[in-house]
């Protein structure tokens, strides 16, 4: 599974058949389970949300307002 010592909570989701089949194919190609693919997707989503939250907090802490291009360049390195 993942890191030793972590506490896990079981959950159940219902997906359209086509989505499940695509996930199953992705899992097969990656050599993992459907649950492993979903866990990875959830982790990526949570990390993205954390990055967005951090970026918004940084904007609030700055005295001047930044436009989107400046924010991307200074905080995201894009």
PDB file of N, CA and C in Angstrom:
ATOM      1  N   UNK A   1       0.834  -1.178   0.000  1.00  0.00           N
ATOM      2  CA  UNK A   1       0.000   0.000   0.000  1.00  0.00           C
ATOM      3  C   UNK A   1       0.875   1.236   0.000  1.00  0.00           C
ATOM      4  N   UNK A   2       0.797   2.055   1.035  1.00  0.00           N
ATOM      5  CA  UNK A   2       1.616   3.265   1.078  1.00  0.00           C
ATOM      6  C   UNK A   2       2.533   3.212   2.287  1.00  0.00           C
ATOM      7  N   UNK A   3       2.805   4.355   2.863  1.00  0.00           N
ATOM      8  CA  UNK A   3       3.752   4.449   3.967  1.00  0.00           C
ATOM      9  C   UNK A   3       3.290   3.649   5.180  1.00  0.00           C
ATOM     10  N   UNK A   4       4.225   2.974   5.806  1.00  0.00           N
ATOM     11  CA  UNK A   4       3.940   2.208   7.006  1.00  0.00           C
ATOM     12  C   UNK A   4       3.565   3.148   8.141  1.00  0.00           C
ATOM     13  N   UNK A   5       2.627   2.734   8.963  1.00  0.00           N
ATOM     14  CA  UNK A   5       2.239   3.532  10.114  1.00  0.00           C
ATOM     15  C   UNK A   5       1.097   4.495   9.840  1.00  0.00           C
ATOM     16  N   UNK A   6       0.691   4.652   8.578  1.00  0.00           N
ATOM     17  CA  UNK A   6      -0.433   5.530   8.272  1.00  0.00           C
ATOM     18  C   UNK A   6      -1.741   4.831   8.608  1.00  0.00           C
ATOM     19  N   UNK A   7      -2.709   5.607   9.016  1.00  0.00           N
ATOM     20  CA  UNK A   7      -4.044   5.082   9.284  1.00  0.00           C
ATOM     21  C   UNK A   7      -4.879   5.266   8.025  1.00  0.00           C
ATOM     22  N   UNK A   8      -5.581   4.242   7.641  1.00  0.00           N
ATOM     23  CA  UNK A   8      -6.403   4.280   6.436  1.00  0.00           C
ATOM     24  C   UNK A   8      -7.877   4.168   6.793  1.00  0.00           C
ATOM     25  N   UNK A   9      -8.708   4.755   5.969  1.00  0.00           N
ATOM     26  CA  UNK A   9     -10.155   4.664   6.105  1.00  0.00           C
ATOM     27  C   UNK A   9     -10.702   4.127   4.795  1.00  0.00           C
ATOM     28  N   UNK A  10     -11.470   3.075   4.880  1.00  0.00           N
ATOM     29  CA  UNK A  10     -12.058   2.468   3.681  1.00  0.00           C
ATOM     30  C   UNK A  10     -13.244   3.301   3.224  1.00  0.00           C
ATOM     31  N   UNK A  11     -13.372   3.438   1.916  1.00  0.00           N
ATOM     32  CA  UNK A  11     -14.509   4.146   1.339  1.00  0.00           C
ATOM     33  C   UNK A  11     -14.981   3.393   0.100  1.00  0.00           C
ATOM     34  N   UNK A  12     -16.167   3.675  -0.323  1.00  0.00           N
ATOM     35  CA  UNK A  12     -16.735   3.038  -1.509  1.00  0.00           C
ATOM     36  C   UNK A  12     -17.207   4.123  -2.454  1.00  0.00           C
ATOM     37  N   UNK A  13     -16.906   3.958  -3.740  1.00  0.00           N
ATOM     38  CA  UNK A  13     -17.403   4.892  -4.740  1.00  0.00           C
ATOM     39  C   UNK A  13     -18.146   4.112  -5.809  1.00  0.00           C
ATOM     40  N   UNK A  14     -19.036   4.781  -6.467  1.00  0.00           N
ATOM     41  CA  UNK A  14     -19.776   4.195  -7.574  1.00  0.00           C
ATOM     42  C   UNK A  14     -19.420   4.977  -8.825  1.00  0.00           C
ATOM     43  N   UNK A  15     -18.992   4.250  -9.851  1.00  0.00           N
ATOM     44  CA  UNK A  15     -18.556   4.873 -11.095  1.00  0.00           C
ATOM     45  C   UNK A  15     -19.360   4.332 -12.259  1.00  0.00           C
ATOM     46  N   UNK A  16     -19.510   5.124 -13.300  1.00  0.00           N
ATOM     47  CA  UNK A  16     -20.071   4.572 -14.538  1.00  0.00           C
ATOM     48  C   UNK A  16     -19.157   3.456 -15.046  1.00  0.00           C
ATOM     49  N   UNK A  17     -19.730   2.469 -15.677  1.00  0.00           N
ATOM     50  CA  UNK A  17     -18.978   1.306 -16.139  1.00  0.00           C
ATOM     51  C   UNK A  17     -17.793   1.701 -17.009  1.00  0.00           C
ATOM     52  N   UNK A  18     -17.992   2.630 -17.912  1.00  0.00           N
ATOM     53  CA  UNK A  18     -16.898   3.042 -18.803  1.00  0.00           C
ATOM     54  C   UNK A  18     -15.724   3.608 -18.004  1.00  0.00           C
ATOM     55  N   UNK A  19     -16.010   4.464 -17.021  1.00  0.00           N
ATOM     56  CA  UNK A  19     -14.943   5.040 -16.195  1.00  0.00           C
ATOM     57  C   UNK A  19     -14.184   3.951 -15.445  1.00  0.00           C
ATOM     58  N   UNK A  20     -14.918   2.997 -14.905  1.00  0.00           N
ATOM     59  CA  UNK A  20     -14.276   1.894 -14.183  1.00  0.00           C
ATOM     60  C   UNK A  20     -13.370   1.090 -15.113  1.00  0.00           C
ATOM     61  N   UNK A  21     -13.849   0.832 -16.322  1.00  0.00           N
ATOM     62  CA  UNK A  21     -13.043   0.063 -17.270  1.00  0.00           C
ATOM     63  C   UNK A  21     -11.767   0.809 -17.661  1.00  0.00           C
ATOM     64  N   UNK A  22     -11.869   2.127 -17.807  1.00  0.00           N
ATOM     65  CA  UNK A  22     -10.687   2.929 -18.119  1.00  0.00           C
ATOM     66  C   UNK A  22      -9.706   2.872 -16.949  1.00  0.00           C
ATOM     67  N   UNK A  23     -10.220   3.024 -15.726  1.00  0.00           N
ATOM     68  CA  UNK A  23      -9.357   2.939 -14.541  1.00  0.00           C
ATOM     69  C   UNK A  23      -8.685   1.574 -14.445  1.00  0.00           C
ATOM     70  N   UNK A  24      -9.438   0.540 -14.744  1.00  0.00           N
ATOM     71  CA  UNK A  24      -8.880  -0.814 -14.695  1.00  0.00           C
ATOM     72  C   UNK A  24      -7.754  -0.981 -15.707  1.00  0.00           C
ATOM     73  N   UNK A  25      -7.936  -0.403 -16.902  1.00  0.00           N
ATOM     74  CA  UNK A  25      -6.904  -0.459 -17.929  1.00  0.00           C
ATOM     75  C   UNK A  25      -5.665   0.310 -17.478  1.00  0.00           C
ATOM     76  N   UNK A  26      -5.861   1.513 -16.914  1.00  0.00           N
ATOM     77  CA  UNK A  26      -4.744   2.321 -16.415  1.00  0.00           C
ATOM     78  C   UNK A  26      -4.003   1.548 -15.326  1.00  0.00           C
ATOM     79  N   UNK A  27      -4.751   0.933 -14.425  1.00  0.00           N
ATOM     80  CA  UNK A  27      -4.139   0.157 -13.349  1.00  0.00           C
ATOM     81  C   UNK A  27      -3.303  -0.994 -13.917  1.00  0.00           C
ATOM     82  N   UNK A  28      -3.839  -1.674 -14.899  1.00  0.00           N
ATOM     83  CA  UNK A  28      -3.121  -2.783 -15.532  1.00  0.00           C
ATOM     84  C   UNK A  28      -1.815  -2.286 -16.150  1.00  0.00           C
ATOM     85  N   UNK A  29      -1.887  -1.166 -16.885  1.00  0.00           N
ATOM     86  CA  UNK A  29      -0.702  -0.622 -17.535  1.00  0.00           C
ATOM     87  C   UNK A  29       0.351  -0.192 -16.515  1.00  0.00           C
ATOM     88  N   UNK A  30      -0.081   0.270 -15.337  1.00  0.00           N
ATOM     89  CA  UNK A  30       0.844   0.725 -14.296  1.00  0.00           C
ATOM     90  C   UNK A  30       1.278  -0.408 -13.376  1.00  0.00           C
ATOM     91  N   UNK A  31       0.658  -1.562 -13.518  1.00  0.00           N
ATOM     92  CA  UNK A  31       1.000  -2.688 -12.660  1.00  0.00           C
ATOM     93  C   UNK A  31       0.527  -2.504 -11.229  1.00  0.00           C
ATOM     94  N   UNK A  32      -0.623  -1.874 -11.067  1.00  0.00           N
ATOM     95  CA  UNK A  32      -1.169  -1.629  -9.740  1.00  0.00           C
ATOM     96  C   UNK A  32      -2.663  -1.936  -9.749  1.00  0.00           C
ATOM     97  N   UNK A  33      -3.330  -1.610  -8.684  1.00  0.00           N
ATOM     98  CA  UNK A  33      -4.765  -1.853  -8.578  1.00  0.00           C
ATOM     99  C   UNK A  33      -5.542  -0.595  -8.937  1.00  0.00           C
ATOM    100  N   UNK A  34      -6.842  -0.762  -9.155  1.00  0.00           N
ATOM    101  CA  UNK A  34      -7.720   0.388  -9.378  1.00  0.00           C
ATOM    102  C   UNK A  34      -7.656   1.298  -8.151  1.00  0.00           C
ATOM    103  N   UNK A  35      -7.673   0.715  -6.971  1.00  0.00           N
ATOM    104  CA  UNK A  35      -7.590   1.501  -5.739  1.00  0.00           C
ATOM    105  C   UNK A  35      -6.291   2.301  -5.699  1.00  0.00           C
ATOM    106  N   UNK A  36      -5.197   1.705  -6.147  1.00  0.00           N
ATOM    107  CA  UNK A  36      -3.922   2.403  -6.173  1.00  0.00           C
ATOM    108  C   UNK A  36      -3.944   3.600  -7.118  1.00  0.00           C
ATOM    109  N   UNK A  37      -4.577   3.426  -8.270  1.00  0.00           N
ATOM    110  CA  UNK A  37      -4.709   4.535  -9.218  1.00  0.00           C
ATOM    111  C   UNK A  37      -5.532   5.654  -8.594  1.00  0.00           C
ATOM    112  N   UNK A  38      -6.642   5.298  -7.969  1.00  0.00           N
ATOM    113  CA  UNK A  38      -7.513   6.308  -7.355  1.00  0.00           C
ATOM    114  C   UNK A  38      -6.794   7.012  -6.216  1.00  0.00           C
ATOM    115  N   UNK A  39      -6.080   6.254  -5.368  1.00  0.00           N
ATOM    116  CA  UNK A  39      -5.320   6.886  -4.283  1.00  0.00           C
ATOM    117  C   UNK A  39      -4.315   7.895  -4.837  1.00  0.00           C
ATOM    118  N   UNK A  40      -3.637   7.535  -5.913  1.00  0.00           N
ATOM    119  CA  UNK A  40      -2.677   8.447  -6.535  1.00  0.00           C
ATOM    120  C   UNK A  40      -3.345   9.707  -7.065  1.00  0.00           C
ATOM    121  N   UNK A  41      -4.515   9.539  -7.684  1.00  0.00           N
ATOM    122  CA  UNK A  41      -5.248  10.689  -8.205  1.00  0.00           C
ATOM    123  C   UNK A  41      -5.707  11.603  -7.072  1.00  0.00           C
ATOM    124  N   UNK A  42      -6.184  11.017  -5.994  1.00  0.00           N
ATOM    125  CA  UNK A  42      -6.627  11.814  -4.844  1.00  0.00           C
ATOM    126  C   UNK A  42      -5.443  12.569  -4.254  1.00  0.00           C
ATOM    127  N   UNK A  43      -4.297  11.905  -4.125  1.00  0.00           N
ATOM    128  CA  UNK A  43      -3.111  12.561  -3.574  1.00  0.00           C
ATOM    129  C   UNK A  43      -2.689  13.747  -4.432  1.00  0.00           C
ATOM    130  N   UNK A  44      -2.698  13.564  -5.752  1.00  0.00           N
ATOM    131  CA  UNK A  44      -2.354  14.664  -6.661  1.00  0.00           C
ATOM    132  C   UNK A  44      -3.324  15.826  -6.501  1.00  0.00           C
ATOM    133  N   UNK A  45      -4.615  15.523  -6.403  1.00  0.00           N
ATOM    134  CA  UNK A  45      -5.628  16.565  -6.231  1.00  0.00           C
ATOM    135  C   UNK A  45      -5.407  17.329  -4.937  1.00  0.00           C
ATOM    136  N   UNK A  46      -5.155  16.616  -3.853  1.00  0.00           N
ATOM    137  CA  UNK A  46      -4.944  17.267  -2.563  1.00  0.00           C
ATOM    138  C   UNK A  46      -3.689  18.133  -2.571  1.00  0.00           C
ATOM    139  N   UNK A  47      -2.630  17.668  -3.228  1.00  0.00           N
ATOM    140  CA  UNK A  47      -1.409  18.465  -3.337  1.00  0.00           C
ATOM    141  C   UNK A  47      -1.655  19.725  -4.162  1.00  0.00           C
ATOM    142  N   UNK A  48      -2.428  19.602  -5.251  1.00  0.00           N
ATOM    143  CA  UNK A  48      -2.758  20.773  -6.062  1.00  0.00           C
ATOM    144  C   UNK A  48      -3.563  21.776  -5.252  1.00  0.00           C
ATOM    145  N   UNK A  49      -4.532  21.287  -4.495  1.00  0.00           N
ATOM    146  CA  UNK A  49      -5.353  22.174  -3.663  1.00  0.00           C
ATOM    147  C   UNK A  49      -4.498  22.890  -2.623  1.00  0.00           C
ATOM    148  N   UNK A  50      -3.536  22.175  -2.050  1.00  0.00           N
ATOM    149  CA  UNK A  50      -2.645  22.780  -1.062  1.00  0.00           C
ATOM    150  C   UNK A  50      -1.791  23.868  -1.711  1.00  0.00           C
ATOM    151  N   UNK A  51      -1.308  23.603  -2.931  1.00  0.00           N
ATOM    152  CA  UNK A  51      -0.515  24.611  -3.646  1.00  0.00           C
ATOM    153  C   UNK A  51      -1.353  25.856  -3.925  1.00  0.00           C
ATOM    154  N   UNK A  52      -2.593  25.673  -4.329  1.00  0.00           N
ATOM    155  CA  UNK A  52      -3.481  26.801  -4.596  1.00  0.00           C
ATOM    156  C   UNK A  52      -3.726  27.591  -3.318  1.00  0.00           C
ATOM    157  N   UNK A  53      -3.997  26.892  -2.233  1.00  0.00           N
ATOM    158  CA  UNK A  53      -4.232  27.547  -0.942  1.00  0.00           C
ATOM    159  C   UNK A  53      -2.997  28.339  -0.507  1.00  0.00           C
ATOM    160  N   UNK A  54      -1.816  27.739  -0.669  1.00  0.00           N
ATOM    161  CA  UNK A  54      -0.579  28.435  -0.324  1.00  0.00           C
ATOM    162  C   UNK A  54      -0.393  29.679  -1.187  1.00  0.00           C
ATOM    163  N   UNK A  55      -0.711  29.567  -2.458  1.00  0.00           N
ATOM    164  CA  UNK A  55      -0.583  30.706  -3.361  1.00  0.00           C
ATOM    165  C   UNK A  55      -1.531  31.833  -2.997  1.00  0.00           C
ATOM    166  N   UNK A  56      -2.761  31.472  -2.670  1.00  0.00           N
ATOM    167  CA  UNK A  56      -3.729  32.496  -2.266  1.00  0.00           C
ATOM    168  C   UNK A  56      -3.314  33.161  -0.965  1.00  0.00           C
ATOM    169  N   UNK A  57      -2.794  32.380  -0.029  1.00  0.00           N
ATOM    170  CA  UNK A  57      -2.303  32.957   1.232  1.00  0.00           C
ATOM    171  C   UNK A  57      -1.145  33.908   0.974  1.00  0.00           C
ATOM    172  N   UNK A  58      -0.254  33.541   0.065  1.00  0.00           N
ATOM    173  CA  UNK A  58       0.881  34.403  -0.257  1.00  0.00           C
ATOM    174  C   UNK A  58       0.396  35.711  -0.862  1.00  0.00           C
ATOM    175  N   UNK A  59      -0.630  35.631  -1.694  1.00  0.00           N
ATOM    176  CA  UNK A  59      -1.181  36.854  -2.282  1.00  0.00           C
ATOM    177  C   UNK A  59      -1.782  37.756  -1.213  1.00  0.00           C
ATOM    178  N   UNK A  60      -2.463  37.182  -0.244  1.00  0.00           N
ATOM    179  CA  UNK A  60      -3.082  37.972   0.820  1.00  0.00           C
ATOM    180  C   UNK A  60      -2.025  38.629   1.699  1.00  0.00           C
ATOM    181  N   UNK A  61      -0.881  37.984   1.866  1.00  0.00           N
ATOM    182  CA  UNK A  61       0.172  38.516   2.717  1.00  0.00           C
ATOM    183  C   UNK A  61       0.924  39.668   2.055  1.00  0.00           C
ATOM    184  N   UNK A  62       0.908  39.707   0.743  1.00  0.00           N
ATOM    185  CA  UNK A  62       1.601  40.787   0.036  1.00  0.00           C
ATOM    186  C   UNK A  62       0.757  42.058   0.113  1.00  0.00           C
ATOM    187  N   UNK A  63       1.426  43.192   0.244  1.00  0.00           N
ATOM    188  CA  UNK A  63       0.714  44.458   0.334  1.00  0.00           C
ATOM    189  C   UNK A  63       0.157  44.881  -1.017  1.00  0.00           C
ATOM    190  N   UNK A  64       0.888  44.628  -2.080  1.00  0.00           N
ATOM    191  CA  UNK A  64       0.395  45.015  -3.394  1.00  0.00           C
ATOM    192  C   UNK A  64      -0.333  43.831  -4.037  1.00  0.00           C
ATOM    193  N   UNK A  65      -1.142  44.139  -5.009  1.00  0.00           N
ATOM    194  CA  UNK A  65      -1.888  43.105  -5.726  1.00  0.00           C
ATOM    195  C   UNK A  65      -1.046  42.652  -6.917  1.00  0.00           C
ATOM    196  N   UNK A  66      -1.015  41.346  -7.136  1.00  0.00           N
ATOM    197  CA  UNK A  66      -0.294  40.792  -8.271  1.00  0.00           C
ATOM    198  C   UNK A  66      -1.282  40.353  -9.340  1.00  0.00           C
ATOM    199  N   UNK A  67      -0.893  40.549 -10.587  1.00  0.00           N
ATOM    200  CA  UNK A  67      -1.717  39.978 -11.649  1.00  0.00           C
ATOM    201  C   UNK A  67      -1.332  38.502 -11.812  1.00  0.00           C
ATOM    202  N   UNK A  68      -2.140  37.768 -12.551  1.00  0.00           N
ATOM    203  CA  UNK A  68      -1.964  36.323 -12.691  1.00  0.00           C
ATOM    204  C   UNK A  68      -0.602  35.973 -13.282  1.00  0.00           C
ATOM    205  N   UNK A  69      -0.156  36.723 -14.292  1.00  0.00           N
ATOM    206  CA  UNK A  69       1.135  36.414 -14.922  1.00  0.00           C
ATOM    207  C   UNK A  69       2.291  36.596 -13.941  1.00  0.00           C
ATOM    208  N   UNK A  70       2.239  37.645 -13.135  1.00  0.00           N
ATOM    209  CA  UNK A  70       3.284  37.873 -12.135  1.00  0.00           C
ATOM    210  C   UNK A  70       3.261  36.785 -11.080  1.00  0.00           C
ATOM    211  N   UNK A  71       2.062  36.393 -10.643  1.00  0.00           N
ATOM    212  CA  UNK A  71       1.932  35.323  -9.653  1.00  0.00           C
ATOM    213  C   UNK A  71       2.537  34.026 -10.178  1.00  0.00           C
ATOM    214  N   UNK A  72       2.187  33.663 -11.413  1.00  0.00           N
ATOM    215  CA  UNK A  72       2.722  32.432 -12.003  1.00  0.00           C
ATOM    216  C   UNK A  72       4.238  32.479 -12.050  1.00  0.00           C
ATOM    217  N   UNK A  73       4.787  33.603 -12.461  1.00  0.00           N
ATOM    218  CA  UNK A  73       6.235  33.736 -12.598  1.00  0.00           C
ATOM    219  C   UNK A  73       6.925  33.695 -11.219  1.00  0.00           C
ATOM    220  N   UNK A  74       6.420  34.456 -10.247  1.00  0.00           N
ATOM    221  CA  UNK A  74       7.096  34.581  -8.962  1.00  0.00           C
ATOM    222  C   UNK A  74       6.858  33.403  -8.020  1.00  0.00           C
ATOM    223  N   UNK A  75       5.658  32.831  -8.045  1.00  0.00           N
ATOM    224  CA  UNK A  75       5.323  31.796  -7.064  1.00  0.00           C
ATOM    225  C   UNK A  75       5.287  30.385  -7.637  1.00  0.00           C
ATOM    226  N   UNK A  76       5.033  30.273  -8.940  1.00  0.00           N
ATOM    227  CA  UNK A  76       4.944  28.943  -9.521  1.00  0.00           C
ATOM    228  C   UNK A  76       6.114  28.626 -10.440  1.00  0.00           C
ATOM    229  N   UNK A  77       6.920  29.639 -10.747  1.00  0.00           N
ATOM    230  CA  UNK A  77       8.073  29.414 -11.612  1.00  0.00           C
ATOM    231  C   UNK A  77       7.702  29.066 -13.031  1.00  0.00           C
ATOM    232  N   UNK A  78       6.548  29.577 -13.480  1.00  0.00           N
ATOM    233  CA  UNK A  78       6.094  29.269 -14.851  1.00  0.00           C
ATOM    234  C   UNK A  78       6.332  30.416 -15.786  1.00  0.00           C
TER     235      UNK A  78
END
